[in-house]
Every structure is written in structure tokens, then in C-alpha cells.
Protein backbone atom coordinates (compact mmCIF):
# COMPACT_ATOMS: atom_id res chain seq x y z
CA MET A 1 0.60 45.08 6.62
CA SER A 2 -3.03 45.93 5.94
CA ILE A 3 -5.55 46.17 8.75
CA LYS A 4 -7.50 43.29 7.20
CA ARG A 5 -4.44 41.02 7.22
CA ILE A 6 -3.57 42.01 10.79
CA LEU A 7 -7.09 41.06 11.91
CA ILE A 8 -6.82 37.69 10.16
CA VAL A 9 -3.47 36.94 11.85
CA LEU A 10 -4.85 38.00 15.24
CA GLY A 11 -7.89 35.82 14.68
CA ILE A 12 -5.72 32.80 13.94
CA LEU A 13 -3.61 33.43 17.05
CA VAL A 14 -6.69 33.79 19.26
CA PHE A 15 -8.21 30.64 17.79
CA THR A 16 -4.98 28.65 18.27
CA SER A 17 -4.62 29.91 21.84
CA ALA A 18 -8.19 28.95 22.60
CA GLN A 19 -7.63 25.48 21.18
CA LEU A 20 -4.62 24.95 23.46
CA SER A 21 -5.92 26.51 26.67
CA ALA A 22 -9.69 26.05 26.50
CA SER A 23 -10.15 22.55 25.14
CA LYS A 24 -9.93 18.93 26.23
CA ILE A 25 -8.97 15.61 24.73
CA LEU A 26 -11.70 12.99 25.11
CA ILE A 27 -10.65 9.36 24.70
CA PRO A 28 -13.95 7.50 24.28
CA MET A 29 -14.10 3.95 25.63
CA ASP A 30 -17.35 2.80 24.04
CA ASN A 31 -17.65 0.86 20.79
CA THR A 32 -16.27 3.82 18.81
CA GLN A 33 -12.80 3.27 20.30
CA SER A 34 -10.38 1.68 17.81
CA ASN A 35 -8.01 0.32 20.48
CA HIS A 36 -9.27 0.02 24.04
CA LEU A 37 -6.14 -1.67 25.37
CA LYS A 38 -3.68 0.93 24.13
CA SER A 39 -5.99 3.66 25.48
CA TYR A 40 -4.97 2.57 28.98
CA GLY A 41 -1.36 2.85 27.90
CA ILE A 42 -2.01 6.43 26.82
CA ALA A 43 -3.61 7.16 30.20
CA TYR A 44 -0.59 5.70 32.00
CA TRP A 45 1.81 7.64 29.76
CA VAL A 46 -0.05 10.90 30.47
CA LEU A 47 0.10 10.28 34.23
CA GLY A 48 3.79 9.51 33.88
CA ASN A 49 4.21 12.99 32.43
CA LYS A 50 2.61 14.51 35.56
CA ILE A 51 -0.63 15.43 33.79
CA PRO A 52 -3.83 14.52 35.67
CA ILE A 53 -6.70 12.68 33.98
CA GLU A 54 -10.39 12.47 34.67
CA TRP A 55 -11.88 9.00 34.39
CA LEU A 56 -15.53 9.45 33.41
CA LEU A 57 -17.11 6.40 34.99
CA ASN A 58 -19.94 4.90 32.91
CA TYR A 59 -19.72 7.75 30.38
CA ARG A 60 -19.26 6.14 26.96
CA GLY A 61 -17.72 3.01 28.43
CA GLY A 62 -15.53 4.77 31.00
CA SER A 63 -13.88 7.47 28.88
CA PHE A 64 -10.80 9.54 29.74
CA LEU A 65 -10.75 13.35 29.68
CA ILE A 66 -7.45 15.26 29.59
CA ASP A 67 -6.37 18.87 29.08
CA ASN A 68 -5.44 19.39 25.44
CA TYR A 69 -1.71 19.18 24.84
CA PRO A 70 -0.48 18.58 21.26
CA ASP A 71 1.87 15.81 22.37
CA ILE A 72 -1.05 13.79 23.74
CA SER A 73 -3.07 13.86 20.53
CA LYS A 74 0.12 13.02 18.62
CA GLU A 75 0.77 10.03 20.88
CA CYS A 76 -2.83 8.84 20.43
CA SER A 77 -2.37 8.94 16.67
CA ILE A 78 0.92 7.04 16.86
CA ARG A 79 -0.60 4.29 19.01
CA GLY A 80 -3.84 4.05 17.03
CA VAL A 81 -6.08 5.31 19.83
CA SER A 82 -9.30 7.14 18.91
CA TYR A 83 -9.73 10.60 20.45
CA GLN A 84 -11.67 13.82 20.06
CA VAL A 85 -10.68 17.40 20.80
CA ILE A 86 -13.62 19.13 22.43
CA ALA A 87 -14.13 22.71 23.59
CA ASP A 88 -14.53 23.56 27.26
CA VAL A 89 -18.20 24.22 26.71
CA GLN A 90 -18.62 20.61 25.53
CA ALA A 91 -16.64 19.34 28.51
CA ASN A 92 -18.91 21.34 30.82
CA GLN A 93 -21.94 19.74 29.18
CA ILE A 94 -20.44 16.32 29.92
CA TYR A 95 -19.80 17.37 33.53
CA SER A 96 -23.42 18.49 33.87
CA GLU A 97 -24.68 15.21 32.50
CA ILE A 98 -22.51 13.23 34.90
CA ALA A 99 -23.51 15.39 37.89
CA ASP A 100 -27.22 14.61 37.42
CA PRO A 101 -28.16 12.58 40.53
CA GLU A 102 -30.47 10.45 38.38
CA VAL A 103 -27.61 9.37 36.12
CA ASN A 104 -25.29 6.48 37.07
CA MET A 105 -22.02 8.26 36.24
CA GLU A 106 -19.18 9.87 38.16
CA ARG A 107 -15.86 11.68 37.63
CA VAL A 108 -12.69 10.33 39.24
CA LYS A 109 -9.37 12.16 39.12
CA LEU A 110 -6.26 10.14 38.33
CA GLU A 111 -3.08 11.82 39.49
CA VAL A 112 0.01 9.59 39.76
CA ALA A 113 1.11 6.64 37.64
CA PRO A 114 1.34 3.63 39.98
CA LYS A 115 4.62 1.73 40.17
CA ILE A 116 3.91 -1.79 38.97
CA ALA A 117 5.52 -5.10 39.88
CA VAL A 118 4.77 -8.49 38.34
CA TYR A 119 5.57 -11.61 40.35
CA THR A 120 7.02 -13.85 37.68
CA PRO A 121 10.01 -16.16 37.25
CA GLU A 122 12.51 -15.69 34.48
CA GLY A 123 11.35 -17.54 31.39
CA LYS A 124 7.76 -17.91 32.66
CA LEU A 125 7.54 -21.58 31.75
CA PRO A 126 5.36 -23.47 31.07
CA TRP A 127 3.17 -20.74 29.56
CA ASP A 128 2.66 -17.02 29.13
CA ASP A 129 0.88 -14.69 31.51
CA ALA A 130 -2.06 -12.55 30.39
CA VAL A 131 -1.05 -9.57 32.53
CA THR A 132 2.49 -9.28 31.19
CA LEU A 133 1.10 -9.71 27.68
CA VAL A 134 -1.36 -6.84 28.05
CA LEU A 135 1.09 -4.57 29.89
CA THR A 136 3.57 -5.03 27.06
CA TYR A 137 0.94 -4.48 24.37
CA ALA A 138 -0.43 -1.37 26.11
CA GLU A 139 3.14 -0.08 26.56
CA ILE A 140 2.84 0.17 30.34
CA PRO A 141 6.19 -0.31 32.13
CA TYR A 142 6.60 -2.81 34.95
CA ASP A 143 9.31 -4.52 37.00
CA LYS A 144 9.67 -8.27 37.42
CA ILE A 145 10.13 -9.55 40.95
CA TYR A 146 10.09 -13.04 42.42
CA ASP A 147 10.59 -14.90 45.68
CA GLU A 148 14.02 -13.53 46.57
CA GLN A 149 13.03 -9.88 46.13
CA ILE A 150 9.82 -10.34 48.11
CA ILE A 151 11.49 -12.16 51.00
CA ASN A 152 14.07 -9.34 51.00
CA LYS A 153 11.29 -6.76 51.57
CA GLU A 154 11.40 -5.10 48.15
CA LEU A 155 7.61 -4.94 47.76
CA ALA A 156 7.58 -1.62 49.57
CA LYS A 157 8.89 0.03 46.39
CA TYR A 158 5.64 -0.67 44.53
CA ASP A 159 1.99 0.38 44.51
CA TRP A 160 0.57 -2.55 42.53
CA LEU A 161 1.46 -6.23 42.39
CA HIS A 162 0.31 -8.93 40.00
CA LEU A 163 0.80 -12.61 40.78
CA HIS A 164 1.88 -14.84 37.90
CA HIS A 165 0.03 -18.11 37.23
CA GLU A 166 1.58 -19.59 40.35
CA ASP A 167 1.31 -22.16 43.14
CA PHE A 168 1.81 -20.68 46.59
CA THR A 169 1.25 -24.06 48.29
CA GLY A 170 4.60 -25.46 47.12
CA GLN A 171 3.13 -28.24 44.95
CA TYR A 172 4.65 -27.00 41.68
CA GLY A 173 1.30 -26.20 40.14
CA LYS A 174 -0.06 -29.73 40.70
CA PHE A 175 1.51 -30.66 37.34
CA TYR A 176 2.99 -33.88 38.81
CA ARG A 177 0.82 -36.43 37.03
CA SER A 178 1.17 -34.98 33.52
CA PHE A 179 4.59 -33.39 33.53
CA LYS A 180 6.78 -34.91 36.25
CA ASN A 181 9.19 -36.20 33.59
CA ALA A 182 9.18 -33.03 31.46
CA ALA A 183 12.47 -31.12 31.33
CA TRP A 184 10.84 -27.83 32.30
CA TYR A 185 9.15 -29.40 35.35
CA ILE A 186 12.38 -31.01 36.56
CA GLU A 187 14.20 -27.70 36.14
CA GLU A 188 11.42 -25.85 38.00
CA VAL A 189 11.76 -28.20 41.00
CA ARG A 190 15.54 -27.81 40.99
CA THR A 191 15.39 -24.02 40.77
CA GLN A 192 12.74 -23.65 43.47
CA GLU A 193 14.55 -25.96 45.88
CA ALA A 194 17.81 -24.09 45.35
CA MET A 195 16.13 -20.75 46.03
CA ALA A 196 14.43 -22.07 49.18
CA LYS A 197 17.80 -23.22 50.49
CA LYS A 198 19.43 -19.90 49.60
CA LEU A 199 16.73 -17.96 51.47
CA GLY A 200 17.00 -20.16 54.57
CA PHE A 201 13.89 -22.34 54.16
CA SER A 202 14.00 -26.11 54.50
CA LYS A 203 11.22 -26.68 51.94
CA VAL A 204 9.74 -24.89 48.92
CA SER A 205 6.30 -24.91 50.57
CA GLN A 206 7.71 -22.95 53.52
CA MET A 207 9.34 -20.43 51.16
CA LYS A 208 6.08 -19.92 49.27
CA GLU A 209 4.23 -19.47 52.56
CA GLY A 210 6.77 -16.81 53.54
CA VAL A 211 6.22 -15.06 50.21
CA ALA A 212 2.43 -15.18 50.66
CA LEU A 213 2.72 -13.63 54.12
CA GLU A 214 4.90 -10.80 52.76
CA ILE A 215 2.27 -10.14 50.07
CA ARG A 216 -0.47 -10.07 52.70
CA ASN A 217 1.56 -7.49 54.63
CA PHE A 218 1.97 -5.48 51.42
CA VAL A 219 -1.82 -5.29 51.07
CA LEU A 220 -2.34 -4.54 54.76
CA GLY A 221 0.02 -1.59 54.40
CA GLY A 222 -1.87 -0.06 51.47
CA GLY A 223 -0.77 -2.06 48.42
CA PHE A 224 -2.98 -3.16 45.55
CA LEU A 225 -2.94 -6.86 44.63
CA PHE A 226 -4.27 -8.33 41.40
CA THR A 227 -4.04 -12.03 40.61
CA MET A 228 -5.44 -14.48 38.08
CA CYS A 229 -5.90 -18.23 37.57
CA SER A 230 -4.12 -20.42 40.16
CA GLY A 231 -2.51 -17.35 41.72
CA THR A 232 -5.91 -16.76 43.36
CA ASP A 233 -6.93 -19.88 45.26
CA SER A 234 -3.38 -21.20 45.85
CA PHE A 235 -2.46 -17.86 47.46
CA ASP A 236 -5.58 -17.85 49.62
CA ILE A 237 -5.00 -21.47 50.66
CA ALA A 238 -1.37 -20.73 51.57
CA LEU A 239 -2.55 -17.99 53.94
CA ALA A 240 -5.16 -20.25 55.56
CA ALA A 241 -2.60 -23.05 55.91
CA GLU A 242 0.07 -20.97 57.65
CA GLY A 243 2.19 -23.34 59.75
CA VAL A 244 0.35 -26.44 58.48
CA ASP A 245 1.89 -29.06 56.15
CA ILE A 246 -0.64 -29.66 53.35
CA VAL A 247 1.93 -31.01 50.85
CA GLU A 248 2.41 -34.71 50.09
CA SER A 249 5.79 -36.46 50.05
CA VAL A 250 6.20 -36.50 46.24
CA PHE A 251 6.66 -32.74 46.49
CA ASP A 252 8.67 -32.24 49.69
CA GLY A 253 9.87 -35.62 50.89
CA ASP A 254 7.56 -36.01 53.90
CA PRO A 255 3.82 -36.69 54.30
CA SER A 256 1.28 -33.97 54.87
CA ASP A 257 -0.33 -33.39 58.24
CA PRO A 258 -3.30 -35.82 58.42
CA GLN A 259 -5.19 -33.17 60.42
CA SER A 260 -4.41 -30.36 57.98
CA GLN A 261 -8.01 -29.81 56.87
CA SER A 262 -9.20 -29.10 60.41
CA LYS A 263 -6.21 -26.84 61.07
CA LEU A 264 -6.97 -24.37 58.26
CA GLN A 265 -7.46 -20.81 59.57
CA PHE A 266 -9.86 -19.27 57.07
CA ASP A 267 -9.81 -15.93 58.90
CA ASN A 268 -6.20 -15.48 57.78
CA ALA A 269 -7.14 -15.58 54.09
CA PHE A 270 -8.67 -12.94 51.82
CA ALA A 271 -11.56 -14.51 49.94
CA PHE A 272 -12.48 -18.13 50.66
CA GLN A 273 -13.68 -20.30 53.52
CA ASP A 274 -15.14 -23.73 54.34
CA TYR A 275 -13.67 -25.46 51.28
CA ARG A 276 -11.95 -28.85 51.30
CA LEU A 277 -8.36 -29.33 50.22
CA ASP A 278 -7.45 -31.76 47.44
CA LYS A 279 -4.03 -33.10 48.41
CA ASP A 280 -3.88 -35.89 45.82
CA PRO A 281 -0.71 -35.18 43.74
CA ASN A 282 -2.41 -36.64 40.67
CA ILE A 283 -5.38 -34.26 40.78
CA TYR A 284 -4.95 -30.91 39.03
CA GLU A 285 -6.79 -28.96 41.74
CA PHE A 286 -5.86 -27.41 45.08
CA ALA A 287 -9.36 -27.52 46.59
CA ASP A 288 -13.02 -27.53 45.62
CA ILE A 289 -13.07 -23.71 45.34
CA ASP A 290 -12.50 -23.86 41.58
CA GLY A 291 -15.44 -24.12 39.16
CA THR A 292 -13.51 -25.53 36.17
CA GLU A 293 -15.51 -28.77 36.18
CA ASP A 294 -18.78 -26.81 36.07
CA HIS A 295 -17.57 -24.75 33.08
CA ASN A 296 -16.45 -27.91 31.27
CA LYS A 297 -20.02 -29.18 31.40
CA MET A 298 -21.34 -25.86 30.05
CA GLY A 299 -19.05 -25.74 27.01
CA GLU A 300 -17.31 -22.83 25.28
CA LEU A 301 -20.27 -21.62 23.21
CA ASN A 302 -22.42 -21.11 26.30
CA ASP A 303 -19.71 -19.84 28.65
CA PHE A 304 -20.16 -16.17 29.52
CA PHE A 305 -19.96 -14.08 32.66
CA THR A 306 -21.81 -10.87 33.46
CA LEU A 307 -20.46 -7.76 35.17
CA PHE A 308 -22.54 -6.23 37.94
CA ASP A 309 -23.86 -2.70 37.52
CA PHE A 310 -22.72 -0.69 40.55
CA SER A 311 -23.72 2.79 41.66
CA ALA A 312 -21.01 5.09 40.28
CA LYS A 313 -21.78 7.83 42.80
CA TRP A 314 -21.77 5.56 45.84
CA ASP A 315 -19.74 2.45 45.01
CA ILE A 316 -16.72 4.05 43.36
CA VAL A 317 -14.26 1.16 43.70
CA PRO A 318 -16.24 -1.65 42.01
CA THR A 319 -17.49 0.84 39.43
CA ILE A 320 -13.89 1.64 38.45
CA LEU A 321 -12.95 -2.03 38.30
CA THR A 322 -15.90 -2.97 36.05
CA GLN A 323 -15.59 -0.19 33.44
CA ASN A 324 -16.19 -1.72 30.01
CA HIS A 325 -17.99 -1.35 26.70
CA THR A 326 -20.07 -4.46 27.40
CA GLN A 327 -21.43 -6.13 30.52
CA VAL A 328 -21.48 -9.65 29.08
CA ILE A 329 -18.02 -11.15 28.48
CA LYS A 330 -17.10 -14.51 27.01
CA GLY A 331 -15.65 -16.95 29.52
CA PHE A 332 -12.21 -18.53 29.47
CA MET A 333 -10.68 -21.47 31.28
CA GLY A 334 -7.66 -21.87 33.54
CA GLN A 335 -6.36 -24.11 36.26
CA THR A 336 -8.63 -21.95 38.41
CA THR A 337 -11.45 -20.86 36.08
CA SER A 338 -13.89 -19.35 38.58
CA PHE A 339 -14.83 -19.43 42.26
CA ARG A 340 -17.80 -21.39 43.57
CA ASP A 341 -20.04 -18.94 45.37
CA ARG A 342 -20.60 -21.13 48.40
CA PHE A 343 -16.93 -20.74 49.40
CA ILE A 344 -16.70 -16.94 48.99
CA LYS A 345 -16.68 -14.93 52.22
CA SER A 346 -19.67 -12.67 52.82
CA ASN A 347 -17.58 -9.47 52.92
CA VAL A 348 -16.20 -10.02 49.40
CA THR A 349 -17.63 -7.95 46.54
CA ILE A 350 -18.65 -10.07 43.56
CA MET A 351 -18.14 -8.03 40.38
CA GLY A 352 -18.66 -10.67 37.67
CA GLU A 353 -20.49 -13.99 37.77
CA THR A 354 -21.80 -16.93 35.78
CA LYS A 355 -25.11 -17.03 37.59
CA SER A 356 -26.35 -20.31 36.12
CA LEU A 357 -23.30 -22.11 37.57
CA LYS A 358 -23.36 -20.26 40.90
CA CYS A 359 -19.75 -19.31 40.20
CA SER A 360 -18.04 -15.92 40.34
CA LYS A 361 -15.33 -14.89 37.89
CA TYR A 362 -14.23 -11.52 39.22
CA ILE A 363 -14.17 -10.54 42.91
CA HIS A 364 -12.72 -7.79 45.08
CA GLY A 365 -12.06 -6.97 48.70
CA GLU A 366 -10.24 -4.74 51.15
CA LEU A 367 -7.65 -5.63 53.79
CA GLY A 368 -6.18 -3.06 56.14
CA GLN A 369 -5.22 -0.04 54.06
CA GLY A 370 -5.03 -2.01 50.81
CA GLN A 371 -7.24 -3.75 48.28
CA TRP A 372 -7.16 -6.92 46.21
CA THR A 373 -8.82 -8.38 43.12
CA TYR A 374 -9.09 -12.01 42.01
CA TYR A 375 -9.89 -12.82 38.35
CA GLY A 376 -10.51 -16.45 37.38
CA GLY A 377 -9.13 -17.99 34.20
CA HIS A 378 -5.85 -17.82 32.31
CA ASP A 379 -6.24 -15.88 29.04
CA PRO A 380 -9.34 -13.81 28.18
CA GLU A 381 -8.87 -14.38 24.43
CA ASP A 382 -7.88 -18.06 24.43
CA TYR A 383 -10.66 -20.21 25.87
CA ARG A 384 -8.50 -23.20 26.75
CA HIS A 385 -4.84 -22.14 26.74
CA LEU A 386 -2.74 -25.29 27.06
CA VAL A 387 0.85 -25.88 28.09
CA GLY A 388 3.05 -25.17 25.08
CA ASP A 389 0.50 -23.03 23.23
CA PRO A 390 1.92 -19.82 21.70
CA PRO A 391 1.17 -16.52 23.45
CA THR A 392 -1.92 -14.62 22.36
CA ASP A 393 -1.28 -11.85 19.81
CA LEU A 394 -3.18 -8.94 21.34
CA ALA A 395 -2.90 -6.97 18.11
CA LEU A 396 -5.76 -9.25 17.01
CA PHE A 397 -7.85 -8.30 20.07
CA PRO A 398 -7.37 -4.54 20.64
CA ASN A 399 -10.91 -4.18 22.01
CA SER A 400 -10.95 -7.22 24.30
CA PRO A 401 -13.41 -6.62 27.18
CA GLY A 402 -11.81 -9.47 29.16
CA TYR A 403 -8.39 -7.83 29.00
CA ARG A 404 -9.91 -4.43 29.83
CA LEU A 405 -10.71 -5.70 33.31
CA ILE A 406 -7.00 -6.30 33.94
CA LEU A 407 -6.16 -2.76 32.86
CA ASN A 408 -8.89 -1.24 35.05
CA ASN A 409 -6.99 -2.69 38.00
CA ILE A 410 -3.71 -1.19 36.82
CA LEU A 411 -5.11 2.36 36.74
CA PHE A 412 -7.11 1.92 39.94
CA PRO A 413 -4.28 2.93 42.33
CA ALA A 414 -3.94 6.23 40.44
CA ALA A 415 -7.40 7.34 41.58
CA LYS A 416 -7.41 10.21 44.05
CA ARG A 417 -8.20 8.70 47.41
CA GLU A 418 -11.19 10.27 49.08
CA LYS A 419 -13.35 9.16 51.96
CA GLN A 420 -15.69 6.53 50.59
CA LYS A 421 -19.42 7.11 50.85
CA THR A 422 -20.09 3.49 51.76
């Protein structure tokens, strides 16, 4: 072999080695990204393969930076996720930019893929759940659990829990007026009553209260809770109403406590206080927390909410949870669409709001060693998702900013825990 050819071969080997050992994969999360939702699935898949990730907060929409392994770029291509291979010198330039104290950016290391549970019944009638839809689309694995598993203390197996569109007060979603004669509603009542009896509870409302208390203990012990739509206020109300009958006889066979409003213990709940219960079985509301009526007056074309801009270097948690490629997101309805500000506790962090309505869409808080997030509305890409409507095809919305907020919460437990600056 000639000396010239040997030098060419050596040059190729050196170049290839440098590409593998001295380069990074950048997954941009700004408007250049072809599929934001599947990008989170790539991040989860990488963590599942014991490879750490850096989440570059506020850099190009909250991009991901990973050591360059051929299998990762191959997986990005298979899933349709945009990526760039950059040299270490380029990565160091990004690090320098982020480190500038005048720039609102930060680096967060993600280390372990969180174990995910979704609180959901088999069949999920009467409609689909946005979180299970986006987890499936992003190819992020999860386990289904429901009342029996939670009462039997199985939550300890998980890092992250999502609550299905659910009613933790035991009023079957307040669907009585519209659907009491529907086959699915009758079957739901039968199934729930049978499970309550099996688990040793005399009423469904008592079983749901027991489930809510187990979830609160999960958060106290360090778990991460994410819930949407009626899983937010009904859960909070169930905690405040511990030991108090707030359910009318059409649901459980006996009247509610006439003094139930004055017996609510707001300190026991996560997010809300000073609201008034709505116990009328024919009213599709649990309390006056929900801002659905206000959004109805505004109309779909004018319904937007805005994410707050937090300090990435000082307020790490809300910065992680609000990563997006836009700060203004179109609104969407649900049984619980948003939360009226006057009922939100002062220690709760508001992360997204419809300021003109004095309603918050996206809120967060801490409890014990754990953290929780409430997100109002049912489906970020279906403004008014009705009972019986088909599930949203997320292949049509791969860059949905509303769905991105859900996925921020899924990766959040993977962040390396350090002493917070605030």
C-alpha cells in the first residue's frame, strides 16, 4: 500500500473516530423541529438506554443535547425527528451562550427515565384521554392502574402519575342529567359500585376519597402528579371534603350533609380554597372553581392562554414545565376548562393564564417531597371534544404546543435533583 493511500485511510479513521467521540446530537425544539411530540419520545428512549441528556432550557425552544451515538441519529430518522450532529467546539459555544448571566437559559441534566402510571379504567368510556393519546404517539411506555391497584398500595412502584378525566367526588362525572339512561353510564355505576364493595367501602364516594388520599400520600413521599380537566378540581375537592358527605342521594342513596360547605378543610387540598360546591346533580360542575362559562362567552376564535416567562437560572422547575416554541397557545374546553384565579391558593405557581378572564390554565405546586401540575381542558387540539367524538389523530398535530406541555411534565422527574436556588 502506498504511503499516500495509508495517509488517506488514517485520515478517514481519525475523522470517523472524532465524529463518534467528539460530537453531539442536537435535537432542536424551535420552529425548525419537524415533530416536537416524538422528540420527547426520543429523549425518553435515550434515557431508557442509560444515556444522559442535557435539556437546554430556553435554547431554541428547549432543545435536547446528547452524546453522538449512531443508533440515536438512526432512531431520530425512523421517527421523523429533526436533529443535527455538531462538533464539541459548537457544543461548547452553546454552553458559553447559556452560561452568560444576562441570558435567560440554563442546562439541566436528565438521567433516568421515570416510571409512568396512568390512572384510567379499562375502555376509558365515555371519551379518550389526551395524555394516553400523546404517550402512545410519542412512543413512551406507561402502565395503567386504577382504584384497586392504588388502594392496594401499588403507587410506590412509580415516579409519575397522571389522572384520567375523572370524578374523585363519587358523582360519576356529574353526567346524571344528560346520560343517566345511557348504557355506558349505567355500566359505569355498576362497575364502580362493585369495586367499592370489593375493596371494603360502603359507597363509591368513600372509595374515591380513599384513592385521593393515597395519591396525596404518593406526592408527599416524592411522587410527581399531573392531571387534566375534571381530574383537577374533583381531586382537590375530594381532599378538602375528607370525611364529609357532599354527594346527593341520586348518586349514593342518601342525602348530602347540609353543613358540608362549612365543613370543607381547604388546607388538606393542593390548589384551591374558598370556593362553593355545586351539589345539584343536574349541573355539570363540581364547584365555582371552573372557568368554562367565562370561556364560553369569549368564544373559540378569541380563546388563548399565555405562558409565563420564568428565570431559567433561578426558577428551574416552572421553566422546565413551560418549555415551548411559542408562549401563546390556543385554548381548549373541558368539563374543567380553567381555574378562576380568586380560588387559587397564594403558594401555587401560575404558569399559564387567560389574563382577560382572570383564569389560569396551567398551575404547579409542591407538597412534601413531591410536586404536582394541574392543566385545565380536555384535548389541546380539539376545542370542544364531546362525548362520542373520535380520538384526535396526533399525526396531524406533531408540533402541538398544547400537547408539549403534557410531555414537559413527563420528562420533569428525570431532571437531576439539586438544591433549588429559590
